[in-house]
Amino acid sequence: MICRTVAVLFLLVWIAGVALFFLSAGGAHWADLPAALSLTGLGIPWNLSGMMMGDAYGLRKAIVLLAPFVNLLLVYGICRLIARRICPNC
């Protein structure tokens, strides 16, 4: 139960960050990378790989937007693993 709660809260914060990213575009097709600052903490360390991609600006945006999904899967998986160790019959 707690794993679902943590995962849902993480998902809601990620959705809010993506919404802020697109709303900050001000009608433009894409927002700039500083507008994705709210997503930076959710996607570390995966979004740092976007800096090593060189001039692939569109790829860096995709990494910034999708990196939190990797962390969401990791958080949920680790939480389930810990929960099974603590209470194997639950």
Protein backbone atom coordinates (compact mmCIF):
# COMPACT_ATOMS: atom_id res chain seq x y z
CA MET A 1 0.00 0.00 0.00
CA ILE A 2 2.76 2.44 0.88
CA CYS A 3 4.60 1.62 -2.36
CA ARG A 4 1.57 2.59 -4.41
CA THR A 5 1.18 5.80 -2.43
CA VAL A 6 4.81 6.77 -2.94
CA ALA A 7 4.65 5.89 -6.64
CA VAL A 8 1.40 7.83 -7.15
CA LEU A 9 2.80 10.90 -5.37
CA PHE A 10 5.94 10.74 -7.51
CA LEU A 11 3.77 10.36 -10.62
CA LEU A 12 1.65 13.37 -9.66
CA VAL A 13 4.71 15.55 -9.11
CA TRP A 14 6.10 14.39 -12.47
CA ILE A 15 2.82 15.22 -14.25
CA ALA A 16 2.81 18.65 -12.60
CA GLY A 17 6.40 19.24 -13.74
CA VAL A 18 5.58 18.24 -17.32
CA ALA A 19 2.53 20.52 -17.26
CA LEU A 20 4.68 23.41 -16.02
CA PHE A 21 7.21 22.66 -18.74
CA PHE A 22 4.64 22.96 -21.51
CA LEU A 23 2.70 25.84 -19.95
CA SER A 24 5.87 27.88 -19.61
CA ALA A 25 6.33 27.72 -23.39
CA GLY A 26 3.92 30.66 -23.65
CA GLY A 27 2.28 29.37 -26.80
CA ALA A 28 5.55 28.26 -28.41
CA HIS A 29 5.85 24.70 -29.65
CA TRP A 30 8.63 23.80 -27.19
CA ALA A 31 9.72 25.36 -23.93
CA ASP A 32 13.36 26.03 -23.29
CA LEU A 33 15.43 23.84 -20.99
CA PRO A 34 15.50 26.26 -18.03
CA ALA A 35 11.72 25.86 -17.89
CA ALA A 36 12.25 22.18 -17.13
CA LEU A 37 14.03 22.99 -13.89
CA SER A 38 11.18 21.49 -11.90
CA LEU A 39 11.88 18.14 -13.58
CA THR A 40 15.61 18.19 -12.90
CA GLY A 41 15.40 16.81 -9.38
CA LEU A 42 13.03 14.05 -10.43
CA GLY A 43 15.24 12.79 -13.23
CA ILE A 44 18.72 12.89 -11.73
CA PRO A 45 21.08 11.17 -12.70
CA TRP A 46 19.52 10.20 -16.04
CA ASN A 47 18.83 13.74 -17.24
CA LEU A 48 22.51 14.60 -16.83
CA SER A 49 23.23 12.32 -19.79
CA GLY A 50 21.46 14.89 -21.97
CA MET A 51 24.34 17.30 -21.42
CA MET A 52 26.68 14.79 -23.00
CA MET A 53 24.62 14.51 -26.18
CA GLY A 54 26.20 17.55 -27.79
CA ASP A 55 23.86 19.63 -29.92
CA ALA A 56 20.93 17.22 -29.98
CA TYR A 57 18.57 19.80 -28.48
CA GLY A 58 15.38 17.82 -29.12
CA LEU A 59 16.92 14.69 -27.62
CA ARG A 60 17.91 16.60 -24.49
CA LYS A 61 14.32 17.77 -24.07
CA ALA A 62 13.04 14.23 -24.41
CA ILE A 63 15.54 13.02 -21.82
CA VAL A 64 14.55 15.78 -19.39
CA LEU A 65 10.87 14.91 -19.80
CA LEU A 66 11.22 11.11 -19.65
CA ALA A 67 14.06 10.63 -17.14
CA PRO A 68 11.72 10.79 -14.12
CA PHE A 69 9.90 7.72 -15.49
CA VAL A 70 13.07 5.65 -14.97
CA ASN A 71 13.27 6.89 -11.38
CA LEU A 72 9.57 6.17 -10.88
CA LEU A 73 10.14 2.55 -11.89
CA LEU A 74 13.19 2.31 -9.62
CA VAL A 75 11.36 3.83 -6.64
CA TYR A 76 8.41 1.47 -7.06
CA GLY A 77 10.63 -1.59 -7.57
CA ILE A 78 12.87 -0.87 -4.59
CA CYS A 79 9.86 -0.12 -2.42
CA ARG A 80 8.25 -3.43 -3.37
CA LEU A 81 11.49 -5.28 -2.68
CA ILE A 82 11.80 -3.73 0.78
CA ALA A 83 8.13 -4.37 1.53
CA ARG A 84 8.50 -8.05 0.62
CA ARG A 85 11.53 -8.37 2.91
CA ILE A 86 9.72 -6.78 5.83
CA CYS A 87 6.41 -8.57 5.42
CA PRO A 88 6.64 -11.55 3.07
CA ASN A 89 3.07 -12.72 3.75
CA CYS A 90 1.38 -9.35 3.22
